[in-house]
Amino acid sequence: MNIVLQAAPQGGGGNFLFILIMVVIMFAFMIFPSMRRQRQEKKFYESLKKGDKVIMKSGLHGRIVELTDTSVVIETLSGKLKFERTAVSLDYSRRIQQTEDK
């Protein structure tokens, strides 16, 4: 009677499918948003131009007076300062530009 009730051995396909689904979910929730954010930042840095008001990631406010491929010179009340383009805050600079447009 014991022989009839025993189940046939199963393959490991279910475990592989579970791992594959977890990788796809991880990719969808972690990798895609960061890739989208990188594209937005690259587009923002390329769209910077002279005269734009910006806020640096350190909180410094200023107006762009000079641009190169990798750096930006901003004018503040205390003088001109040179930073890398990536030091410009995307979020805060967009907010200040939106309030100017209104």
N, C-alpha and C. Protein backbone atom coordinates (compact mmCIF):
# COMPACT_ATOMS: atom_id res chain seq x y z
N MET A 1 0.81 -1.19 0.00
CA MET A 1 0.00 0.00 0.00
C MET A 1 0.85 1.26 0.00
N ASN A 2 2.02 1.22 0.65
CA ASN A 2 2.91 2.38 0.69
C ASN A 2 3.42 2.76 -0.69
N ILE A 3 3.61 1.83 -1.53
CA ILE A 3 4.16 2.10 -2.85
C ILE A 3 3.18 2.92 -3.68
N VAL A 4 1.91 2.71 -3.57
CA VAL A 4 0.90 3.42 -4.34
C VAL A 4 0.82 4.89 -3.90
N LEU A 5 1.02 5.20 -2.61
CA LEU A 5 0.86 6.55 -2.10
C LEU A 5 2.09 7.44 -2.30
N GLN A 6 3.19 6.87 -2.66
CA GLN A 6 4.38 7.67 -2.85
C GLN A 6 4.29 8.45 -4.16
N ALA A 7 4.69 9.73 -4.09
CA ALA A 7 4.66 10.58 -5.29
C ALA A 7 5.90 10.36 -6.12
N ALA A 8 5.78 10.62 -7.38
CA ALA A 8 6.94 10.50 -8.27
C ALA A 8 7.90 11.66 -7.99
N PRO A 9 9.18 11.41 -8.07
CA PRO A 9 10.14 12.50 -7.82
C PRO A 9 9.98 13.61 -8.86
N GLN A 10 10.06 14.87 -8.38
CA GLN A 10 9.87 16.02 -9.25
C GLN A 10 11.22 16.62 -9.61
N GLY A 11 11.26 17.28 -10.77
CA GLY A 11 12.48 17.95 -11.20
C GLY A 11 12.65 19.28 -10.48
N GLY A 12 13.79 19.92 -10.62
CA GLY A 12 14.08 21.19 -9.97
C GLY A 12 13.64 22.39 -10.79
N GLY A 13 12.76 22.21 -11.74
CA GLY A 13 12.32 23.30 -12.61
C GLY A 13 11.57 24.40 -11.87
N GLY A 14 10.86 24.04 -10.82
CA GLY A 14 10.10 25.03 -10.06
C GLY A 14 11.01 26.02 -9.37
N ASN A 15 12.13 25.55 -8.83
CA ASN A 15 13.09 26.44 -8.17
C ASN A 15 13.73 27.39 -9.18
N PHE A 16 14.08 26.91 -10.34
CA PHE A 16 14.69 27.75 -11.37
C PHE A 16 13.71 28.83 -11.82
N LEU A 17 12.46 28.46 -11.99
CA LEU A 17 11.44 29.42 -12.41
C LEU A 17 11.25 30.49 -11.35
N PHE A 18 11.25 30.12 -10.09
CA PHE A 18 11.11 31.07 -9.00
C PHE A 18 12.27 32.07 -8.98
N ILE A 19 13.49 31.58 -9.15
CA ILE A 19 14.67 32.46 -9.18
C ILE A 19 14.61 33.40 -10.38
N LEU A 20 14.19 32.90 -11.52
CA LEU A 20 14.06 33.72 -12.72
C LEU A 20 13.04 34.83 -12.51
N ILE A 21 11.92 34.52 -11.91
CA ILE A 21 10.88 35.53 -11.64
C ILE A 21 11.41 36.58 -10.66
N MET A 22 12.15 36.16 -9.65
CA MET A 22 12.72 37.11 -8.68
C MET A 22 13.72 38.07 -9.35
N VAL A 23 14.53 37.55 -10.27
CA VAL A 23 15.49 38.40 -10.98
C VAL A 23 14.75 39.41 -11.85
N VAL A 24 13.71 38.99 -12.52
CA VAL A 24 12.92 39.91 -13.36
C VAL A 24 12.27 40.99 -12.50
N ILE A 25 11.72 40.62 -11.37
CA ILE A 25 11.09 41.59 -10.48
C ILE A 25 12.14 42.57 -9.94
N MET A 26 13.29 42.07 -9.54
CA MET A 26 14.36 42.94 -9.05
C MET A 26 14.79 43.91 -10.14
N PHE A 27 14.93 43.43 -11.35
CA PHE A 27 15.34 44.27 -12.47
C PHE A 27 14.29 45.36 -12.71
N ALA A 28 13.01 44.98 -12.66
CA ALA A 28 11.95 45.94 -12.93
C ALA A 28 11.85 47.02 -11.86
N PHE A 29 12.06 46.67 -10.60
CA PHE A 29 11.88 47.64 -9.52
C PHE A 29 13.15 48.39 -9.13
N MET A 30 14.33 47.88 -9.50
CA MET A 30 15.56 48.53 -9.08
C MET A 30 16.35 49.11 -10.25
N ILE A 31 16.49 48.38 -11.31
CA ILE A 31 17.37 48.79 -12.40
C ILE A 31 16.69 49.80 -13.32
N PHE A 32 15.45 49.54 -13.75
CA PHE A 32 14.77 50.45 -14.66
C PHE A 32 14.63 51.87 -14.09
N PRO A 33 14.19 52.05 -12.85
CA PRO A 33 14.09 53.42 -12.33
C PRO A 33 15.43 54.15 -12.26
N SER A 34 16.50 53.44 -11.92
CA SER A 34 17.80 54.10 -11.86
C SER A 34 18.29 54.46 -13.26
N MET A 35 18.00 53.63 -14.25
CA MET A 35 18.37 53.95 -15.62
C MET A 35 17.59 55.16 -16.12
N ARG A 36 16.31 55.24 -15.76
CA ARG A 36 15.48 56.37 -16.15
C ARG A 36 16.01 57.65 -15.51
N ARG A 37 16.40 57.58 -14.25
CA ARG A 37 16.94 58.73 -13.53
C ARG A 37 18.25 59.20 -14.16
N GLN A 38 19.11 58.26 -14.56
CA GLN A 38 20.37 58.63 -15.21
C GLN A 38 20.12 59.34 -16.53
N ARG A 39 19.14 58.87 -17.31
CA ARG A 39 18.82 59.54 -18.57
C ARG A 39 18.31 60.94 -18.33
N GLN A 40 17.46 61.13 -17.29
CA GLN A 40 16.94 62.46 -16.96
C GLN A 40 18.07 63.40 -16.56
N GLU A 41 19.00 62.91 -15.74
CA GLU A 41 20.11 63.74 -15.30
C GLU A 41 21.01 64.12 -16.48
N LYS A 42 21.30 63.18 -17.35
CA LYS A 42 22.13 63.48 -18.52
C LYS A 42 21.48 64.52 -19.40
N LYS A 43 20.18 64.39 -19.63
CA LYS A 43 19.44 65.35 -20.44
C LYS A 43 19.46 66.73 -19.77
N PHE A 44 19.31 66.77 -18.45
CA PHE A 44 19.33 68.03 -17.71
C PHE A 44 20.69 68.71 -17.81
N TYR A 45 21.77 67.95 -17.61
CA TYR A 45 23.12 68.53 -17.66
C TYR A 45 23.44 69.06 -19.06
N GLU A 46 22.94 68.38 -20.09
CA GLU A 46 23.17 68.84 -21.45
C GLU A 46 22.35 70.08 -21.78
N SER A 47 21.23 70.28 -21.10
CA SER A 47 20.37 71.42 -21.39
C SER A 47 20.74 72.68 -20.62
N LEU A 48 21.74 72.61 -19.74
CA LEU A 48 22.16 73.80 -19.00
C LEU A 48 22.72 74.83 -19.96
N LYS A 49 22.42 76.11 -19.69
CA LYS A 49 22.93 77.17 -20.53
C LYS A 49 23.26 78.39 -19.68
N LYS A 50 23.98 79.33 -20.26
CA LYS A 50 24.36 80.55 -19.55
C LYS A 50 23.10 81.30 -19.12
N GLY A 51 23.16 81.84 -17.92
CA GLY A 51 22.04 82.62 -17.40
C GLY A 51 21.04 81.82 -16.58
N ASP A 52 21.12 80.50 -16.61
CA ASP A 52 20.21 79.67 -15.81
C ASP A 52 20.53 79.83 -14.33
N LYS A 53 19.48 79.96 -13.53
CA LYS A 53 19.66 79.93 -12.09
C LYS A 53 19.69 78.47 -11.66
N VAL A 54 20.67 78.13 -10.83
CA VAL A 54 20.81 76.74 -10.39
C VAL A 54 21.08 76.70 -8.89
N ILE A 55 20.82 75.53 -8.34
CA ILE A 55 21.17 75.24 -6.94
C ILE A 55 22.08 74.03 -6.97
N MET A 56 23.21 74.15 -6.32
CA MET A 56 24.17 73.06 -6.27
C MET A 56 23.70 72.03 -5.25
N LYS A 57 24.23 70.83 -5.32
CA LYS A 57 23.87 69.79 -4.36
C LYS A 57 24.27 70.15 -2.94
N SER A 58 25.23 71.07 -2.81
CA SER A 58 25.65 71.53 -1.49
C SER A 58 24.73 72.61 -0.94
N GLY A 59 23.79 73.09 -1.77
CA GLY A 59 22.84 74.11 -1.33
C GLY A 59 23.20 75.51 -1.79
N LEU A 60 24.27 75.67 -2.52
CA LEU A 60 24.72 76.98 -3.00
C LEU A 60 23.86 77.43 -4.17
N HIS A 61 23.39 78.68 -4.13
CA HIS A 61 22.56 79.23 -5.20
C HIS A 61 23.42 80.11 -6.08
N GLY A 62 23.15 80.13 -7.38
CA GLY A 62 23.89 80.99 -8.28
C GLY A 62 23.32 80.97 -9.68
N ARG A 63 23.98 81.75 -10.54
CA ARG A 63 23.58 81.85 -11.95
C ARG A 63 24.78 81.41 -12.79
N ILE A 64 24.52 80.62 -13.82
CA ILE A 64 25.59 80.10 -14.68
C ILE A 64 26.14 81.24 -15.54
N VAL A 65 27.48 81.39 -15.51
CA VAL A 65 28.13 82.39 -16.35
C VAL A 65 29.06 81.77 -17.38
N GLU A 66 29.45 80.52 -17.18
CA GLU A 66 30.36 79.86 -18.12
C GLU A 66 30.16 78.36 -18.05
N LEU A 67 30.20 77.71 -19.21
CA LEU A 67 30.03 76.25 -19.29
C LEU A 67 31.15 75.63 -20.12
N THR A 68 31.63 74.48 -19.68
CA THR A 68 32.51 73.64 -20.49
C THR A 68 31.87 72.26 -20.55
N ASP A 69 32.56 71.31 -21.16
CA ASP A 69 32.00 69.96 -21.27
C ASP A 69 31.78 69.31 -19.91
N THR A 70 32.68 69.56 -18.96
CA THR A 70 32.59 68.88 -17.68
C THR A 70 32.37 69.81 -16.49
N SER A 71 32.51 71.11 -16.69
CA SER A 71 32.41 72.01 -15.54
C SER A 71 31.46 73.18 -15.82
N VAL A 72 31.11 73.86 -14.75
CA VAL A 72 30.22 75.01 -14.82
C VAL A 72 30.76 76.06 -13.85
N VAL A 73 30.75 77.31 -14.29
CA VAL A 73 31.14 78.42 -13.42
C VAL A 73 29.88 79.17 -13.07
N ILE A 74 29.62 79.29 -11.77
CA ILE A 74 28.43 80.01 -11.34
C ILE A 74 28.85 81.28 -10.61
N GLU A 75 27.99 82.28 -10.73
CA GLU A 75 28.22 83.54 -10.05
C GLU A 75 27.28 83.62 -8.86
N THR A 76 27.86 83.86 -7.70
CA THR A 76 27.08 84.02 -6.48
C THR A 76 27.32 85.43 -5.95
N LEU A 77 26.73 85.75 -4.84
CA LEU A 77 26.94 87.07 -4.25
C LEU A 77 28.39 87.26 -3.80
N SER A 78 29.09 86.16 -3.53
CA SER A 78 30.47 86.26 -3.06
C SER A 78 31.49 86.14 -4.19
N GLY A 79 31.08 85.93 -5.42
CA GLY A 79 32.01 85.83 -6.53
C GLY A 79 31.69 84.66 -7.45
N LYS A 80 32.67 84.31 -8.28
CA LYS A 80 32.49 83.21 -9.23
C LYS A 80 33.15 81.95 -8.68
N LEU A 81 32.45 80.84 -8.85
CA LEU A 81 32.95 79.55 -8.37
C LEU A 81 32.82 78.51 -9.48
N LYS A 82 33.80 77.62 -9.57
CA LYS A 82 33.80 76.57 -10.59
C LYS A 82 33.45 75.23 -9.96
N PHE A 83 32.52 74.51 -10.58
CA PHE A 83 32.07 73.20 -10.12
C PHE A 83 32.00 72.25 -11.30
N GLU A 84 31.94 70.97 -11.00
CA GLU A 84 31.63 69.96 -12.01
C GLU A 84 30.14 70.09 -12.35
N ARG A 85 29.78 69.75 -13.58
CA ARG A 85 28.37 69.81 -13.97
C ARG A 85 27.50 68.91 -13.10
N THR A 86 28.06 67.79 -12.68
CA THR A 86 27.28 66.85 -11.89
C THR A 86 26.98 67.36 -10.49
N ALA A 87 27.59 68.48 -10.08
CA ALA A 87 27.32 69.04 -8.76
C ALA A 87 26.04 69.87 -8.75
N VAL A 88 25.47 70.12 -9.93
CA VAL A 88 24.21 70.87 -10.01
C VAL A 88 23.08 69.93 -9.63
N SER A 89 22.22 70.37 -8.73
CA SER A 89 21.10 69.55 -8.27
C SER A 89 19.96 69.60 -9.28
N LEU A 90 19.59 68.45 -9.80
CA LEU A 90 18.50 68.35 -10.76
C LEU A 90 17.19 68.79 -10.15
N ASP A 91 16.85 68.25 -8.99
CA ASP A 91 15.55 68.50 -8.37
C ASP A 91 15.38 69.96 -7.94
N TYR A 92 16.34 70.48 -7.21
CA TYR A 92 16.22 71.85 -6.70
C TYR A 92 16.30 72.88 -7.82
N SER A 93 17.14 72.64 -8.82
CA SER A 93 17.26 73.57 -9.94
C SER A 93 15.98 73.61 -10.76
N ARG A 94 15.35 72.46 -10.94
CA ARG A 94 14.06 72.45 -11.66
C ARG A 94 13.00 73.24 -10.90
N ARG A 95 12.99 73.10 -9.58
CA ARG A 95 12.00 73.84 -8.78
C ARG A 95 12.20 75.34 -8.92
N ILE A 96 13.43 75.80 -8.86
CA ILE A 96 13.68 77.23 -8.95
C ILE A 96 13.35 77.75 -10.35
N GLN A 97 13.60 76.95 -11.39
CA GLN A 97 13.27 77.37 -12.74
C GLN A 97 11.76 77.40 -12.96
N GLN A 98 11.02 76.49 -12.33
CA GLN A 98 9.57 76.48 -12.45
C GLN A 98 8.95 77.68 -11.76
N THR A 99 9.50 78.10 -10.61
CA THR A 99 8.95 79.26 -9.91
C THR A 99 9.25 80.55 -10.68
N GLU A 100 10.34 80.59 -11.42
CA GLU A 100 10.65 81.75 -12.25
C GLU A 100 9.69 81.87 -13.41
N ASP A 101 9.29 80.73 -13.97
CA ASP A 101 8.39 80.73 -15.13
C ASP A 101 7.00 81.23 -14.79
N LYS A 102 6.60 81.09 -13.54
CA LYS A 102 5.24 81.48 -13.15
C LYS A 102 5.09 82.95 -12.98
